Amino acid sequence: MPEYMPMAGRWATFDCYGTLVDWEGGFRNTFRSLWPDADVEALLRSYHRAEPRIQAEGGDLTYREVLGRSLKAVADEAGLEVPAGQGDALAASLPGWSPFPEVRASLAEARERGWKLAALSNTDPDLLAASIDAIGVPFDLRITAAEAGSYKPAPGHWERFFADSGAERADHVHVAASLFHDIEPAGRLGLKAIWINRLSETSELERAAELPDLRALPETLERVAG
């Protein structure tokens, strides 16, 4: 691999779950363990509806609490019961959710090219720390809902990132899979964003680049940064 001269102040920020870590796979596995005979895909769609609503209604909730309330909402919608003692099943399983296979090498190469890495996540600090440990690549900055004081798509994560990092917007690129939580608000904030479109979705939202996964991320960061 060629050597790259580090360039001070170049920052790539990342959403973690769905972008770096297999968020949907983690939910599917947990749902199967709770309700082996249920329609897991229907439960996942129900969760996608429940979580943003619960985050919007209770901005002071920890992500553990959001997960627990969302799990209960999914069960209620499907006519299921959360098994006794399993109300925190999603939070308990989250540290074991797997990073996507290409993530470690791509992030390591980005660091070699001089990019600083930051995670901007709606989760809790200890849960994010476990996921970054699993990824196995150092992050220079981590901002969760606890530091931001809000859940994305609110702008708090980005505001806190720029305040803490001192990064210039011209030297920053945001990388994320979620249109709702990340790509749309990044566009509103005038930020350069790379959409990691793992689900082969379509969207008219503004983005600087679109990739199916992170394999070409290091080269794409260089191109987007100009």
Foldseek 3Di string as FASTA:
>chain_A
DDFADADPQQAEEEAPDPFFFPNLVLQLVLVCVFPVPDDSVLLVVQLVVQLVVVQVVDVPDAVLVSQLVSNVSSQVVVVHDGPPPCSSVSVVRLLVTATDPQRLVLVVVLVSNNYAYEYEYQHDPVSVVSSVVRSPDDHPYYHYSVNQSGAFVPCSSVVVCCVVSVHDQLSYEYEYADCRRPQQSCVVVVHAYEHCPCPPDDDPGDHLYYHVHSNCVSVVSVVSSD
